[in-house]
Amino acid sequence: MRFALLTTTFYPILGGAEKQLDLLARGLLGRGHEALVIAPLVKGRDNRVDAPYAVHRYPRLRSKRFGLRWHARFLDRLHREHPFDVVHAHGAYPAAYMAAPFALRHGIPLIVRAHGGDVLPGEAIQRSAWLRWRTRTALRAADALIAQNADLDRLLGELSGHPERVHRIPNGVQVPDIDPAQFAEPEPPFAFTLSNLYAKKGLDILVDAWSHVAPVRPGARLVIAGHGPDEAALRRQIASLGLGNTVTLMGNARGDEKDRLLASCRVYVSSARREPFSNALLEAVAAGCPVVATRTGGNVEIVDNSGAGELVDPESPRALADALTRAMGVPRAPLSRDERARRVARYTVDATLDTYLSVAEQIRATA
């Protein structure tokens, strides 16, 4: 099959949605299918992608409200040049809204994977009645809907009016080849999180919690990797709490540097207020990290199924501090690759790809 993977966010932008689309495209190629990632041009950045699949760049969206379907006319040209068998919209809005008329026009099955922020109540898109209507229209047109967790499963069924078309497919993860002896746990130890610096990630709660951990665990550090619009506010918060010597905002971490941090931290923490399915938390579990995570969205499923750590209530700095204090007091036990693979057996890229291809073949056969 030839898959058109339409997204409105992709590399060089870094995040879980971008990572999951990259893994999907690579996985499809590995199974003998064709995949074309169709992504916007990111202005002022190097848009080249070191990948085995092809990437078509379309002009960046000037608005997420006006002219979207007119903007998506390039899909017709790409289809004429090399016809698609399945269209995958990576995002309920605006990607699915752009792709739905094209799929209907050509009789091509449409798969929609919602990110979470595009369909969750209270998020920007769902606060607008107009965009909420557009999202519902796109979801109703889909032949299959992908939900990463149980809450999204129910929500997509309600929004689309077709709960029978919703399929549970969590994010996929690769088990890294980390030699436990390669990275020694430093002394003093550190807690680590990898996150975009947005309010919904709850990093202000984490910094507040760390102000209670630091006096109890002298010398222990908190390392926050990532970037985003809340960086300045977080730096002010760190300074106001006198945590400049114990909390580090290090910017992005990727590749070998990310592997080193995951392999050597004492605990990985996810402090999100809302989290459909955290790619970073899943990578931490696959790397053998003990974890502390908030009881929200996919965090619950990941921690419960892996047995990797402790869940705490969101919006509770005190509960988060207590869990981190406990975790920081227990030296980390290195896990073999086989042990780590068992933790994430249901979340491997191969496992999620099996389900995805089964769905794609099913809807193509009935189209």
Protein backbone atom coordinates (compact mmCIF):
# COMPACT_ATOMS: atom_id res chain seq x y z
CA MET A 1 0.00 0.00 0.00
CA ARG A 2 1.04 3.59 -0.56
CA PHE A 3 0.33 5.88 2.40
CA ALA A 4 -0.01 9.66 2.28
CA LEU A 5 0.92 10.87 5.80
CA LEU A 6 -0.39 14.43 6.07
CA THR A 7 0.66 16.52 9.04
CA THR A 8 0.77 20.18 10.01
CA THR A 9 3.80 19.69 12.28
CA PHE A 10 6.99 17.78 11.58
CA TYR A 11 10.76 17.90 11.88
CA PRO A 12 12.69 20.13 12.44
CA ILE A 13 10.02 20.80 15.10
CA LEU A 14 10.69 18.39 17.97
CA GLY A 15 7.95 16.66 19.92
CA GLY A 16 6.05 13.44 20.45
CA ALA A 17 3.72 13.88 17.47
CA GLU A 18 6.66 14.42 15.12
CA LYS A 19 8.51 11.42 16.54
CA GLN A 20 5.50 9.15 16.17
CA LEU A 21 4.98 10.09 12.52
CA ASP A 22 8.66 9.41 11.81
CA LEU A 23 8.39 5.97 13.47
CA LEU A 24 5.21 5.20 11.51
CA ALA A 25 6.78 6.11 8.18
CA ARG A 26 9.91 4.06 8.92
CA GLY A 27 7.81 1.14 10.10
CA LEU A 28 5.64 1.14 6.97
CA LEU A 29 8.73 1.09 4.77
CA GLY A 30 10.16 -1.74 6.84
CA ARG A 31 7.01 -3.78 6.15
CA GLY A 32 7.29 -3.27 2.39
CA HIS A 33 4.83 -0.40 1.98
CA GLU A 34 5.39 3.09 0.59
CA ALA A 35 5.08 6.21 2.73
CA LEU A 36 5.16 9.87 1.78
CA VAL A 37 5.27 12.35 4.66
CA ILE A 38 3.51 15.57 3.62
CA ALA A 39 4.52 18.37 5.97
CA PRO A 40 4.70 22.17 6.06
CA LEU A 41 7.86 24.09 5.32
CA VAL A 42 9.29 25.43 8.58
CA LYS A 43 10.45 28.96 7.91
CA GLY A 44 14.03 29.84 8.81
CA ARG A 45 15.03 26.25 9.64
CA ASP A 46 16.86 23.43 7.87
CA ASN A 47 13.97 21.31 6.57
CA ARG A 48 16.08 18.38 5.43
CA VAL A 49 15.26 15.04 7.11
CA ASP A 50 17.72 12.17 7.29
CA ALA A 51 15.20 9.41 6.65
CA PRO A 52 14.57 6.52 4.22
CA TYR A 53 11.12 7.84 3.29
CA ALA A 54 10.27 10.77 1.02
CA VAL A 55 9.08 14.10 2.43
CA HIS A 56 6.99 16.58 0.44
CA ARG A 57 7.01 20.10 1.84
CA TYR A 58 4.05 22.37 1.22
CA PRO A 59 3.97 26.13 1.94
CA ARG A 60 3.45 26.79 5.63
CA LEU A 61 -0.07 27.55 6.79
CA ARG A 62 -0.62 31.28 7.22
CA SER A 63 -3.83 30.59 9.13
CA LYS A 64 -5.39 27.56 10.78
CA ARG A 65 -8.83 29.03 10.21
CA PHE A 66 -9.03 30.30 6.63
CA GLY A 67 -8.33 28.71 3.26
CA LEU A 68 -7.25 25.32 4.61
CA ARG A 69 -9.04 23.17 2.05
CA TRP A 70 -7.98 25.45 -0.77
CA HIS A 71 -4.43 25.21 0.55
CA ALA A 72 -4.64 21.39 0.38
CA ARG A 73 -5.11 21.30 -3.41
CA PHE A 74 -1.54 19.99 -3.70
CA LEU A 75 -2.88 16.61 -2.54
CA ASP A 76 -4.68 16.19 -5.86
CA ARG A 77 -1.47 16.81 -7.78
CA LEU A 78 0.52 14.35 -5.67
CA HIS A 79 -2.22 11.73 -6.11
CA ARG A 80 -2.22 12.17 -9.89
CA GLU A 81 1.55 11.74 -10.01
CA HIS A 82 1.56 8.60 -7.85
CA PRO A 83 -1.82 7.45 -6.50
CA PHE A 84 -2.32 6.87 -2.77
CA ASP A 85 -4.08 3.85 -1.28
CA VAL A 86 -4.61 5.30 2.21
CA VAL A 87 -4.56 8.86 3.57
CA HIS A 88 -3.39 9.29 7.17
CA ALA A 89 -4.18 12.63 8.79
CA HIS A 90 -1.80 13.21 11.69
CA GLY A 91 -4.07 15.41 13.78
CA ALA A 92 -7.84 15.90 13.93
CA TYR A 93 -7.52 19.60 13.21
CA PRO A 94 -6.38 21.02 10.91
CA ALA A 95 -4.82 17.97 9.17
CA ALA A 96 -7.98 15.83 9.01
CA TYR A 97 -10.09 18.81 8.01
CA MET A 98 -7.70 19.41 5.10
CA ALA A 99 -7.57 15.76 4.05
CA ALA A 100 -11.24 14.75 4.37
CA PRO A 101 -12.59 16.35 1.13
CA PHE A 102 -9.62 14.98 -0.84
CA ALA A 103 -10.17 11.44 0.49
CA LEU A 104 -13.91 11.61 -0.27
CA ARG A 105 -13.32 13.04 -3.76
CA HIS A 106 -11.02 10.17 -4.73
CA GLY A 107 -12.63 7.38 -2.73
CA ILE A 108 -9.51 6.82 -0.61
CA PRO A 109 -9.79 5.50 2.97
CA LEU A 110 -8.99 8.11 5.62
CA ILE A 111 -7.29 7.34 8.95
CA VAL A 112 -7.22 10.13 11.54
CA ARG A 113 -4.88 10.12 14.53
CA ALA A 114 -5.88 12.80 17.02
CA HIS A 115 -3.04 14.36 19.00
CA GLY A 116 -5.17 15.09 22.07
CA GLY A 117 -4.79 18.84 22.26
CA ASP A 118 -6.90 19.12 19.11
CA VAL A 119 -9.93 17.37 20.63
CA LEU A 120 -9.69 17.71 24.41
CA PRO A 121 -12.22 20.04 26.05
CA GLY A 122 -10.69 23.29 27.22
CA GLU A 123 -7.90 23.33 24.65
CA ALA A 124 -7.76 26.21 22.15
CA ILE A 125 -9.42 24.42 19.23
CA GLN A 126 -12.35 23.10 21.26
CA ARG A 127 -12.95 26.52 22.87
CA SER A 128 -14.00 27.84 19.45
CA ALA A 129 -17.48 26.75 18.34
CA TRP A 130 -16.47 27.13 14.69
CA LEU A 131 -13.31 25.02 15.01
CA ARG A 132 -15.15 22.51 17.18
CA TRP A 133 -17.70 22.06 14.37
CA ARG A 134 -14.91 21.68 11.80
CA THR A 135 -13.20 19.05 13.94
CA ARG A 136 -16.41 17.06 14.28
CA THR A 137 -16.98 17.27 10.52
CA ALA A 138 -13.52 15.86 9.83
CA LEU A 139 -13.85 13.09 12.42
CA ARG A 140 -17.22 12.00 11.03
CA ALA A 141 -15.65 11.63 7.58
CA ALA A 142 -12.89 9.31 8.81
CA ASP A 143 -12.98 5.60 8.06
CA ALA A 144 -10.84 4.90 11.13
CA LEU A 145 -9.88 6.93 14.18
CA ILE A 146 -6.82 6.26 16.32
CA ALA A 147 -6.98 6.87 20.07
CA GLN A 148 -3.87 6.53 22.23
CA ASN A 149 -5.71 6.03 25.53
CA ALA A 150 -9.11 5.10 26.95
CA ASP A 151 -10.22 8.72 27.48
CA LEU A 152 -9.49 9.61 23.86
CA ASP A 153 -11.25 6.42 22.75
CA ARG A 154 -14.48 7.56 24.39
CA LEU A 155 -14.08 11.18 23.29
CA LEU A 156 -13.42 10.37 19.62
CA GLY A 157 -16.42 8.06 19.60
CA GLU A 158 -18.62 10.87 20.91
CA LEU A 159 -17.24 13.56 18.60
CA SER A 160 -17.41 11.43 15.46
CA GLY A 161 -20.69 9.68 16.21
CA HIS A 162 -18.94 6.46 15.16
CA PRO A 163 -17.47 4.75 18.22
CA GLU A 164 -17.14 1.55 16.18
CA ARG A 165 -14.53 3.27 14.01
CA VAL A 166 -12.23 4.09 16.94
CA HIS A 167 -9.17 1.88 17.43
CA ARG A 168 -6.87 1.94 20.43
CA ILE A 169 -3.28 2.27 19.24
CA PRO A 170 -0.86 3.72 21.79
CA ASN A 171 2.37 5.44 20.88
CA GLY A 172 5.21 3.15 19.87
CA VAL A 173 8.72 3.11 21.29
CA GLN A 174 12.05 1.57 20.36
CA VAL A 175 13.96 -0.17 23.14
CA PRO A 176 17.38 1.52 23.19
CA ASP A 177 20.58 -0.50 23.22
CA ILE A 178 21.98 0.91 26.45
CA ASP A 179 24.77 -0.89 28.24
CA PRO A 180 23.94 -0.51 31.97
CA ALA A 181 27.65 -0.46 32.73
CA GLN A 182 28.27 2.36 30.25
CA PHE A 183 26.72 5.09 32.38
CA ALA A 184 27.38 5.21 36.10
CA GLU A 185 24.79 6.96 38.24
CA PRO A 186 26.39 10.25 39.33
CA GLU A 187 26.75 11.34 42.90
CA PRO A 188 24.82 13.33 43.91
CA PRO A 189 21.93 11.92 41.85
CA PHE A 190 19.55 13.84 39.61
CA ALA A 191 15.92 13.69 38.53
CA PHE A 192 15.24 14.25 34.83
CA THR A 193 12.36 15.33 32.63
CA LEU A 194 12.15 15.91 28.88
CA SER A 195 9.32 18.21 27.87
CA ASN A 196 8.22 21.14 25.78
CA LEU A 197 7.98 24.11 28.12
CA TYR A 198 4.22 24.69 28.00
CA ALA A 199 1.78 25.29 30.85
CA LYS A 200 -0.03 21.99 30.27
CA LYS A 201 3.22 20.12 31.00
CA GLY A 202 3.05 21.27 34.63
CA LEU A 203 6.72 22.24 34.92
CA ASP A 204 5.83 25.10 37.27
CA ILE A 205 4.33 22.46 39.57
CA LEU A 206 7.52 20.40 39.26
CA VAL A 207 9.74 23.35 40.20
CA ASP A 208 7.46 24.12 43.15
CA ALA A 209 7.66 20.46 44.21
CA TRP A 210 11.45 20.49 43.91
CA SER A 211 11.63 23.34 46.42
CA HIS A 212 10.35 20.77 48.96
CA VAL A 213 12.65 17.98 47.74
CA ALA A 214 15.90 19.97 47.76
CA PRO A 215 16.12 20.52 51.55
CA VAL A 216 15.46 16.81 52.21
CA ARG A 217 17.85 15.48 49.55
CA PRO A 218 20.86 17.82 49.79
CA GLY A 219 22.88 18.04 46.59
CA ALA A 220 20.28 16.29 44.46
CA ARG A 221 19.56 18.03 41.16
CA LEU A 222 16.63 18.42 38.80
CA VAL A 223 17.45 18.58 35.08
CA ILE A 224 14.76 19.85 32.69
CA ALA A 225 15.40 19.34 28.96
CA GLY A 226 13.31 21.07 26.33
CA HIS A 227 12.30 24.47 25.08
CA GLY A 228 9.13 26.51 24.75
CA PRO A 229 7.33 29.73 25.58
CA ASP A 230 7.34 29.21 29.36
CA GLU A 231 11.14 29.19 29.67
CA ALA A 232 11.44 32.77 30.95
CA ALA A 233 8.68 32.26 33.53
CA LEU A 234 10.31 29.05 34.75
CA ARG A 235 13.67 30.78 35.12
CA ARG A 236 12.04 33.49 37.20
CA GLN A 237 10.32 30.87 39.35
CA ILE A 238 13.59 28.96 39.88
CA ALA A 239 15.34 32.18 40.93
CA SER A 240 12.54 33.29 43.25
CA LEU A 241 12.63 29.93 45.05
CA GLY A 242 16.42 30.02 45.38
CA LEU A 243 16.85 26.86 43.30
CA GLY A 244 19.46 28.17 40.86
CA ASN A 245 22.08 25.72 42.13
CA THR A 246 19.86 22.65 42.04
CA VAL A 247 17.57 23.06 38.98
CA THR A 248 18.98 23.19 35.44
CA LEU A 249 17.11 24.20 32.28
CA MET A 250 19.42 22.68 29.69
CA GLY A 251 17.55 23.21 26.41
CA ASN A 252 16.96 20.36 23.97
CA ALA A 253 18.47 16.91 24.51
CA ARG A 254 18.55 14.36 21.73
CA GLY A 255 20.50 11.38 20.45
CA ASP A 256 23.42 10.21 22.58
CA GLU A 257 22.94 13.03 25.07
CA LYS A 258 19.32 12.04 25.72
CA ASP A 259 20.33 8.37 26.06
CA ARG A 260 23.00 9.33 28.60
CA LEU A 261 20.54 11.33 30.69
CA LEU A 262 17.92 8.57 30.65
CA ALA A 263 20.52 5.93 31.50
CA SER A 264 22.04 7.81 34.42
CA CYS A 265 19.19 9.71 36.11
CA ARG A 266 17.84 8.33 39.36
CA VAL A 267 14.23 9.00 38.41
CA TYR A 268 12.32 10.33 35.41
CA VAL A 269 9.40 12.64 36.19
CA SER A 270 6.31 13.62 34.17
CA SER A 271 4.42 16.47 35.86
CA ALA A 272 1.85 17.10 33.10
CA ARG A 273 -1.56 18.59 33.83
CA ARG A 274 -2.88 16.91 30.63
CA GLU A 275 -1.06 14.23 28.68
CA PRO A 276 -2.78 12.05 26.03
CA PHE A 277 0.21 9.70 25.75
CA SER A 278 3.70 10.86 26.66
CA ASN A 279 6.33 9.76 24.18
CA ALA A 280 9.05 10.95 26.57
CA LEU A 281 7.66 8.95 29.51
CA LEU A 282 7.46 5.86 27.30
CA GLU A 283 11.10 6.34 26.24
CA ALA A 284 12.10 6.68 29.90
CA VAL A 285 10.40 3.39 30.79
CA ALA A 286 12.08 1.70 27.81
CA ALA A 287 15.43 3.02 29.05
CA GLY A 288 14.88 1.43 32.46
CA CYS A 289 14.16 4.59 34.45
CA PRO A 290 12.15 4.50 37.65
CA VAL A 291 9.39 7.06 37.07
CA VAL A 292 7.10 9.43 38.94
CA ALA A 293 4.19 10.66 36.82
CA THR A 294 0.93 12.51 37.24
CA ARG A 295 -2.27 10.50 37.09
CA THR A 296 -3.56 11.83 33.78
CA GLY A 297 -4.30 10.44 30.31
CA GLY A 298 -1.83 7.89 28.99
CA ASN A 299 0.49 8.27 32.00
CA VAL A 300 -1.83 6.00 33.98
CA GLU A 301 -1.71 3.24 31.38
CA ILE A 302 2.08 3.42 30.92
CA VAL A 303 2.89 3.28 34.64
CA ASP A 304 0.24 0.69 35.51
CA ASN A 305 1.24 -1.65 32.67
CA SER A 306 5.00 -1.31 33.11
CA GLY A 307 5.16 -1.25 36.90
CA ALA A 308 7.89 1.35 36.47
CA GLY A 309 7.02 3.73 39.28
CA GLU A 310 4.47 5.85 41.07
CA LEU A 311 1.47 7.95 40.04
CA VAL A 312 0.45 11.15 41.84
CA ASP A 313 -2.42 13.57 41.46
CA PRO A 314 -1.93 16.43 38.98
CA GLU A 315 -1.81 19.97 40.33
CA SER A 316 -0.37 18.77 43.66
CA PRO A 317 3.20 20.00 44.28
CA ARG A 318 3.17 18.37 47.71
CA ALA A 319 2.22 14.91 46.40
CA LEU A 320 4.78 15.20 43.63
CA ALA A 321 7.44 16.29 46.12
CA ASP A 322 6.73 13.36 48.43
CA ALA A 323 6.99 10.84 45.58
CA LEU A 324 10.21 12.41 44.28
CA THR A 325 11.72 12.46 47.75
CA ARG A 326 11.07 8.73 48.07
CA ALA A 327 12.40 7.97 44.59
CA MET A 328 15.56 10.04 45.06
CA GLY A 329 16.38 8.04 48.18
CA VAL A 330 16.59 4.69 46.34
CA PRO A 331 19.69 3.97 44.20
CA ARG A 332 18.78 2.96 40.68
CA ALA A 333 19.09 -0.72 39.76
CA PRO A 334 20.27 -1.20 36.14
CA LEU A 335 18.01 -3.32 33.95
CA SER A 336 19.04 -5.55 31.06
CA ARG A 337 17.67 -4.95 27.59
CA ASP A 338 15.37 -7.97 27.93
CA GLU A 339 13.97 -6.62 31.21
CA ARG A 340 13.36 -3.23 29.64
CA ALA A 341 11.74 -4.82 26.57
CA ARG A 342 9.29 -6.70 28.79
CA ARG A 343 8.28 -3.42 30.43
CA VAL A 344 7.14 -1.95 27.11
CA ALA A 345 6.16 -5.11 25.22
CA ARG A 346 2.73 -3.77 24.24
CA TYR A 347 4.19 -0.41 23.18
CA THR A 348 6.97 -1.46 20.82
CA VAL A 349 6.88 0.01 17.33
CA ASP A 350 6.30 -3.47 15.90
CA ALA A 351 3.31 -4.10 18.18
CA THR A 352 1.64 -0.78 17.37
CA LEU A 353 2.41 -1.16 13.66
CA ASP A 354 0.75 -4.59 13.59
CA THR A 355 -2.49 -3.04 14.82
CA TYR A 356 -2.21 -0.03 12.52
CA LEU A 357 -1.73 -2.16 9.40
CA SER A 358 -4.60 -4.43 10.40
CA VAL A 359 -6.86 -1.36 10.58
CA ALA A 360 -5.56 0.00 7.26
CA GLU A 361 -6.12 -3.30 5.46
CA GLN A 362 -9.60 -3.63 6.95
CA ILE A 363 -10.83 -0.20 5.84
CA ARG A 364 -9.19 -0.51 2.43
CA ALA A 365 -10.97 -3.83 1.85
CA THR A 366 -14.35 -2.28 2.67
CA ALA A 367 -13.82 1.07 0.90
